[in-house]
Amino acid sequence: LNDAFVAAVVGGLAQYHEFHGQSVDDLRMVMPINVRSDGATLGGNHFTPARFLVPLTIKDPAERIVELGRLAREIREEPAVALTDALAGVLNQLPTTITTAVFGAMLKGADFVTSNVPGAPFPIYAAGAQLERMYAFGPLSGSAVNITLLSHCGTCCIGVNVDAIAVPDSESFMRCIAAGGSTDILIPPSII
């Protein structure tokens, strides 16, 4: 699911740049990597942000899924990821201003963020009504765009948070993201 999600986002970003006559070979993506161990308690944040370049030049969606999946697994298997908990323990002992500066520096220079958040695997109710859809709108964290997929009981919803200064043509941007780069023709606004 994550490979297809990221591949669709990357395809949409490539299509948006092409639509505006910009030739971009790659962009820097931030993606949270799950570092929760099997024995970890529920709750809390058990992730580390990974920054890496992703290619925008792969036109075929199937090839793009395979390549981005390979890149993501390569990053997950990076030995430094295992040090995240130890580093977090050290950062927790530092003043908040220092921790914020360190974390902000890690995210600096990112073009976009993708995040795949697993929701509760059971029905959730609010005021007696069952929630059918949940959308997560992740923070920009210094990037132009954050696109977050949240799954809940077999349904996936995608929230898109866009910096309007960095992405001035939000209407075309949303059409390109919705198309996922699967076509050279933008989706008409009436379909979105």
C-alpha atoms as a PDB file:
ATOM      1  CA  LEU A   1       0.000   0.000   0.000  1.00  0.00           C
ATOM      2  CA  ASN A   2       2.741   2.451   0.963  1.00  0.00           C
ATOM      3  CA  ASP A   3       4.713   1.817  -2.236  1.00  0.00           C
ATOM      4  CA  ALA A   4       1.649   2.485  -4.408  1.00  0.00           C
ATOM      5  CA  PHE A   5       0.695   5.544  -2.339  1.00  0.00           C
ATOM      6  CA  VAL A   6       4.146   7.134  -2.578  1.00  0.00           C
ATOM      7  CA  ALA A   7       4.394   6.239  -6.284  1.00  0.00           C
ATOM      8  CA  ALA A   8       1.057   7.952  -6.982  1.00  0.00           C
ATOM      9  CA  VAL A   9       2.144  11.072  -5.077  1.00  0.00           C
ATOM     10  CA  VAL A  10       5.464  11.189  -6.928  1.00  0.00           C
ATOM     11  CA  GLY A  11       3.666  10.699 -10.244  1.00  0.00           C
ATOM     12  CA  GLY A  12       1.308  13.558  -9.403  1.00  0.00           C
ATOM     13  CA  LEU A  13       4.210  15.818  -8.444  1.00  0.00           C
ATOM     14  CA  ALA A  14       5.983  15.005 -11.713  1.00  0.00           C
ATOM     15  CA  GLN A  15       2.805  15.753 -13.648  1.00  0.00           C
ATOM     16  CA  TYR A  16       2.340  19.092 -11.838  1.00  0.00           C
ATOM     17  CA  HIS A  17       5.895  20.185 -12.664  1.00  0.00           C
ATOM     18  CA  GLU A  18       5.500  19.113 -16.300  1.00  0.00           C
ATOM     19  CA  PHE A  19       2.167  20.973 -16.523  1.00  0.00           C
ATOM     20  CA  HIS A  20       4.014  24.139 -15.525  1.00  0.00           C
ATOM     21  CA  GLY A  21       6.882  23.507 -17.960  1.00  0.00           C
ATOM     22  CA  GLN A  22       9.416  22.610 -15.300  1.00  0.00           C
ATOM     23  CA  SER A  23      11.821  19.740 -15.857  1.00  0.00           C
ATOM     24  CA  VAL A  24      12.608  18.185 -12.465  1.00  0.00           C
ATOM     25  CA  ASP A  25      14.538  14.924 -12.198  1.00  0.00           C
ATOM     26  CA  ASP A  26      14.032  14.336  -8.480  1.00  0.00           C
ATOM     27  CA  LEU A  27      12.663  15.848  -5.285  1.00  0.00           C
ATOM     28  CA  ARG A  28      13.616  15.432  -1.630  1.00  0.00           C
ATOM     29  CA  MET A  29      10.940  13.527   0.285  1.00  0.00           C
ATOM     30  CA  VAL A  30      10.555  13.089   4.031  1.00  0.00           C
ATOM     31  CA  MET A  31       8.800   9.912   5.097  1.00  0.00           C
ATOM     32  CA  PRO A  32       8.350   8.728   8.682  1.00  0.00           C
ATOM     33  CA  ILE A  33       9.843   5.258   9.219  1.00  0.00           C
ATOM     34  CA  ASN A  34       8.116   3.101  11.831  1.00  0.00           C
ATOM     35  CA  VAL A  35      10.608   2.010  14.513  1.00  0.00           C
ATOM     36  CA  ARG A  36       8.089   0.504  16.955  1.00  0.00           C
ATOM     37  CA  SER A  37       9.409  -2.798  18.291  1.00  0.00           C
ATOM     38  CA  ASP A  38       7.200  -5.849  18.758  1.00  0.00           C
ATOM     39  CA  GLY A  39       7.216  -5.388  22.537  1.00  0.00           C
ATOM     40  CA  ALA A  40       6.505  -1.644  22.517  1.00  0.00           C
ATOM     41  CA  THR A  41       3.529  -0.341  24.433  1.00  0.00           C
ATOM     42  CA  LEU A  42       0.618   1.243  22.586  1.00  0.00           C
ATOM     43  CA  GLY A  43       0.609   4.983  22.107  1.00  0.00           C
ATOM     44  CA  GLY A  44       3.456   7.380  21.625  1.00  0.00           C
ATOM     45  CA  ASN A  45       5.419   8.198  18.537  1.00  0.00           C
ATOM     46  CA  HIS A  46       7.699   5.424  17.385  1.00  0.00           C
ATOM     47  CA  PHE A  47       9.058   6.794  14.125  1.00  0.00           C
ATOM     48  CA  THR A  48      12.056   8.525  12.681  1.00  0.00           C
ATOM     49  CA  PRO A  49      11.920  10.907   9.721  1.00  0.00           C
ATOM     50  CA  ALA A  50      13.859   9.713   6.685  1.00  0.00           C
ATOM     51  CA  ARG A  51      14.941  12.190   3.996  1.00  0.00           C
ATOM     52  CA  PHE A  52      15.855  10.961   0.550  1.00  0.00           C
ATOM     53  CA  LEU A  53      15.713  11.869  -3.111  1.00  0.00           C
ATOM     54  CA  VAL A  54      12.985  10.256  -5.196  1.00  0.00           C
ATOM     55  CA  PRO A  55      13.027  10.200  -9.008  1.00  0.00           C
ATOM     56  CA  LEU A  56      10.302  12.019 -10.939  1.00  0.00           C
ATOM     57  CA  THR A  57      11.441  10.597 -14.271  1.00  0.00           C
ATOM     58  CA  ILE A  58       9.818   7.142 -14.114  1.00  0.00           C
ATOM     59  CA  LYS A  59       6.695   7.395 -16.289  1.00  0.00           C
ATOM     60  CA  ASP A  60       5.386   3.825 -15.948  1.00  0.00           C
ATOM     61  CA  PRO A  61       3.345   3.548 -12.704  1.00  0.00           C
ATOM     62  CA  ALA A  62       4.311  -0.118 -12.120  1.00  0.00           C
ATOM     63  CA  GLU A  63       8.015   0.667 -12.520  1.00  0.00           C
ATOM     64  CA  ARG A  64       7.618   3.691 -10.235  1.00  0.00           C
ATOM     65  CA  ILE A  65       5.993   1.524  -7.522  1.00  0.00           C
ATOM     66  CA  VAL A  66       8.833  -1.012  -7.685  1.00  0.00           C
ATOM     67  CA  GLU A  67      11.606   1.616  -7.602  1.00  0.00           C
ATOM     68  CA  LEU A  68      10.100   3.716  -4.793  1.00  0.00           C
ATOM     69  CA  GLY A  69       9.407   0.561  -2.768  1.00  0.00           C
ATOM     70  CA  ARG A  70      13.040  -0.458  -3.219  1.00  0.00           C
ATOM     71  CA  LEU A  71      14.241   2.989  -2.092  1.00  0.00           C
ATOM     72  CA  ALA A  72      11.969   2.971   0.976  1.00  0.00           C
ATOM     73  CA  ARG A  73      13.142  -0.510   2.044  1.00  0.00           C
ATOM     74  CA  GLU A  74      16.761   0.560   1.544  1.00  0.00           C
ATOM     75  CA  ILE A  75      16.205   3.521   3.873  1.00  0.00           C
ATOM     76  CA  ARG A  76      14.358   1.351   6.454  1.00  0.00           C
ATOM     77  CA  GLU A  77      17.290  -1.072   6.531  1.00  0.00           C
ATOM     78  CA  GLU A  78      19.809   1.714   7.104  1.00  0.00           C
ATOM     79  CA  PRO A  79      21.752   0.767  10.288  1.00  0.00           C
ATOM     80  CA  ALA A  80      21.365   4.292  11.722  1.00  0.00           C
ATOM     81  CA  VAL A  81      17.567   3.798  11.962  1.00  0.00           C
ATOM     82  CA  ALA A  82      18.189   1.323  14.807  1.00  0.00           C
ATOM     83  CA  LEU A  83      19.803   4.132  16.815  1.00  0.00           C
ATOM     84  CA  THR A  84      16.631   6.237  16.798  1.00  0.00           C
ATOM     85  CA  ASP A  85      15.403   5.216  20.271  1.00  0.00           C
ATOM     86  CA  ALA A  86      18.800   5.854  21.852  1.00  0.00           C
ATOM     87  CA  LEU A  87      19.078   9.232  20.129  1.00  0.00           C
ATOM     88  CA  ALA A  88      15.514  10.125  21.174  1.00  0.00           C
ATOM     89  CA  GLY A  89      16.442   9.349  24.788  1.00  0.00           C
ATOM     90  CA  VAL A  90      19.329  11.803  24.579  1.00  0.00           C
ATOM     91  CA  LEU A  91      17.209  14.470  22.868  1.00  0.00           C
ATOM     92  CA  ASN A  92      14.533  14.129  25.564  1.00  0.00           C
ATOM     93  CA  GLN A  93      17.113  15.223  28.151  1.00  0.00           C
ATOM     94  CA  LEU A  94      17.900  18.430  26.272  1.00  0.00           C
ATOM     95  CA  PRO A  95      15.946  21.700  26.479  1.00  0.00           C
ATOM     96  CA  THR A  96      12.969  21.878  24.123  1.00  0.00           C
ATOM     97  CA  THR A  97      14.538  24.709  22.100  1.00  0.00           C
ATOM     98  CA  ILE A  98      17.566  22.549  21.270  1.00  0.00           C
ATOM     99  CA  THR A  99      15.453  19.486  20.476  1.00  0.00           C
ATOM    100  CA  THR A 100      13.197  21.562  18.210  1.00  0.00           C
ATOM    101  CA  ALA A 101      16.217  23.019  16.414  1.00  0.00           C
ATOM    102  CA  VAL A 102      17.745  19.563  15.855  1.00  0.00           C
ATOM    103  CA  PHE A 103      14.468  18.115  14.573  1.00  0.00           C
ATOM    104  CA  GLY A 104      13.848  21.171  12.366  1.00  0.00           C
ATOM    105  CA  ALA A 105      17.324  20.843  10.856  1.00  0.00           C
ATOM    106  CA  MET A 106      16.566  17.205   9.986  1.00  0.00           C
ATOM    107  CA  LEU A 107      13.526  18.298   7.980  1.00  0.00           C
ATOM    108  CA  LYS A 108      15.092  21.385   6.392  1.00  0.00           C
ATOM    109  CA  GLY A 109      15.332  21.270   2.645  1.00  0.00           C
ATOM    110  CA  ALA A 110      12.513  18.787   2.122  1.00  0.00           C
ATOM    111  CA  ASP A 111      10.282  19.348  -0.879  1.00  0.00           C
ATOM    112  CA  PHE A 112       7.399  17.203   0.336  1.00  0.00           C
ATOM    113  CA  VAL A 113       6.325  14.811   3.071  1.00  0.00           C
ATOM    114  CA  THR A 114       4.406  11.571   2.668  1.00  0.00           C
ATOM    115  CA  SER A 115       3.048   9.672   5.615  1.00  0.00           C
ATOM    116  CA  ASN A 116       1.042   6.448   5.841  1.00  0.00           C
ATOM    117  CA  VAL A 117      -0.765   6.279   9.183  1.00  0.00           C
ATOM    118  CA  PRO A 118      -2.556   3.098  10.243  1.00  0.00           C
ATOM    119  CA  GLY A 119      -5.772   4.004  12.023  1.00  0.00           C
ATOM    120  CA  ALA A 120      -7.660   1.896  14.505  1.00  0.00           C
ATOM    121  CA  PRO A 121      -8.430  -1.566  13.086  1.00  0.00           C
ATOM    122  CA  PHE A 122     -11.856  -1.521  14.743  1.00  0.00           C
ATOM    123  CA  PRO A 123     -14.951   0.704  14.438  1.00  0.00           C
ATOM    124  CA  ILE A 124     -14.819   4.032  16.263  1.00  0.00           C
ATOM    125  CA  TYR A 125     -17.841   6.033  17.367  1.00  0.00           C
ATOM    126  CA  ALA A 126     -18.414   9.706  18.155  1.00  0.00           C
ATOM    127  CA  ALA A 127     -21.648  10.687  19.910  1.00  0.00           C
ATOM    128  CA  GLY A 128     -23.075   7.271  19.004  1.00  0.00           C
ATOM    129  CA  ALA A 129     -22.370   7.568  15.271  1.00  0.00           C
ATOM    130  CA  GLN A 130     -19.812   5.312  13.613  1.00  0.00           C
ATOM    131  CA  LEU A 131     -16.960   7.164  11.929  1.00  0.00           C
ATOM    132  CA  GLU A 132     -16.767   6.105   8.299  1.00  0.00           C
ATOM    133  CA  ARG A 133     -13.848   8.250   7.138  1.00  0.00           C
ATOM    134  CA  MET A 134     -10.843   9.816   8.839  1.00  0.00           C
ATOM    135  CA  TYR A 135      -8.527  12.309   7.201  1.00  0.00           C
ATOM    136  CA  ALA A 136      -5.122  13.254   8.564  1.00  0.00           C
ATOM    137  CA  PHE A 137      -3.640  16.601   7.611  1.00  0.00           C
ATOM    138  CA  GLY A 138       0.040  16.400   8.522  1.00  0.00           C
ATOM    139  CA  PRO A 139       2.140  19.486   9.225  1.00  0.00           C
ATOM    140  CA  LEU A 140       4.198  20.981   6.432  1.00  0.00           C
ATOM    141  CA  SER A 141       7.348  20.806   8.604  1.00  0.00           C
ATOM    142  CA  GLY A 142       9.161  23.199   6.290  1.00  0.00           C
ATOM    143  CA  SER A 143       8.130  21.433   3.083  1.00  0.00           C
ATOM    144  CA  ALA A 144       5.835  22.641   0.306  1.00  0.00           C
ATOM    145  CA  VAL A 145       3.372  19.767   0.716  1.00  0.00           C
ATOM    146  CA  ASN A 146       2.413  17.061   3.211  1.00  0.00           C
ATOM    147  CA  ILE A 147       0.275  14.232   1.867  1.00  0.00           C
ATOM    148  CA  THR A 148      -0.965  11.796   4.498  1.00  0.00           C
ATOM    149  CA  LEU A 149      -2.823   8.533   3.978  1.00  0.00           C
ATOM    150  CA  LEU A 150      -4.837   7.287   6.960  1.00  0.00           C
ATOM    151  CA  SER A 151      -6.386   3.814   6.819  1.00  0.00           C
ATOM    152  CA  HIS A 152      -9.295   2.796   9.024  1.00  0.00           C
ATOM    153  CA  CYS A 153     -11.314  -0.427   8.821  1.00  0.00           C
ATOM    154  CA  GLY A 154     -10.420  -1.084   5.188  1.00  0.00           C
ATOM    155  CA  THR A 155     -10.901   2.502   3.978  1.00  0.00           C
ATOM    156  CA  CYS A 156      -8.039   4.824   3.065  1.00  0.00           C
ATOM    157  CA  CYS A 157      -8.428   8.602   3.088  1.00  0.00           C
ATOM    158  CA  ILE A 158      -5.791  11.069   1.957  1.00  0.00           C
ATOM    159  CA  GLY A 159      -5.302  14.522   3.460  1.00  0.00           C
ATOM    160  CA  VAL A 160      -3.305  17.122   1.540  1.00  0.00           C
ATOM    161  CA  ASN A 161      -1.738  20.125   3.267  1.00  0.00           C
ATOM    162  CA  VAL A 162      -0.212  22.626   0.813  1.00  0.00           C
ATOM    163  CA  ASP A 163       1.858  25.772   1.313  1.00  0.00           C
ATOM    164  CA  ALA A 164       0.042  28.199  -1.000  1.00  0.00           C
ATOM    165  CA  ILE A 165       3.207  30.252  -1.541  1.00  0.00           C
ATOM    166  CA  ALA A 166       5.258  27.230  -2.662  1.00  0.00           C
ATOM    167  CA  VAL A 167       2.381  25.787  -4.722  1.00  0.00           C
ATOM    168  CA  PRO A 168       0.526  28.773  -6.206  1.00  0.00           C
ATOM    169  CA  ASP A 169      -1.651  26.744  -8.613  1.00  0.00           C
ATOM    170  CA  SER A 170      -3.434  24.591  -6.039  1.00  0.00           C
ATOM    171  CA  GLU A 171      -6.297  23.654  -8.379  1.00  0.00           C
ATOM    172  CA  SER A 172      -3.978  22.077 -10.962  1.00  0.00           C
ATOM    173  CA  PHE A 173      -1.878  20.605  -8.168  1.00  0.00           C
ATOM    174  CA  MET A 174      -4.853  18.759  -6.676  1.00  0.00           C
ATOM    175  CA  ARG A 175      -5.887  17.452 -10.108  1.00  0.00           C
ATOM    176  CA  CYS A 176      -2.354  16.159 -10.726  1.00  0.00           C
ATOM    177  CA  ILE A 177      -2.178  14.503  -7.302  1.00  0.00           C
ATOM    178  CA  ALA A 178      -5.618  12.934  -7.841  1.00  0.00           C
ATOM    179  CA  ALA A 179      -4.428  11.575 -11.187  1.00  0.00           C
ATOM    180  CA  GLY A 180      -1.351  10.180  -9.477  1.00  0.00           C
ATOM    181  CA  GLY A 181       0.677  10.749 -12.600  1.00  0.00           C
ATOM    182  CA  SER A 182      -1.130   7.916 -14.344  1.00  0.00           C
ATOM    183  CA  THR A 183      -2.036  10.041 -17.339  1.00  0.00           C
ATOM    184  CA  ASP A 184      -0.632  12.963 -19.282  1.00  0.00           C
ATOM    185  CA  ILE A 185      -4.019  14.696 -19.227  1.00  0.00           C
ATOM    186  CA  LEU A 186      -5.244  16.545 -16.162  1.00  0.00           C
ATOM    187  CA  ILE A 187      -8.499  15.396 -14.598  1.00  0.00           C
ATOM    188  CA  PRO A 188     -11.298  17.924 -15.249  1.00  0.00           C
ATOM    189  CA  PRO A 189     -12.209  19.934 -12.107  1.00  0.00           C
ATOM    190  CA  SER A 190     -15.773  18.560 -12.174  1.00  0.00           C
ATOM    191  CA  ILE A 191     -14.469  15.059 -11.354  1.00  0.00           C
ATOM    192  CA  ILE A 192     -12.634  16.090  -8.177  1.00  0.00           C
END
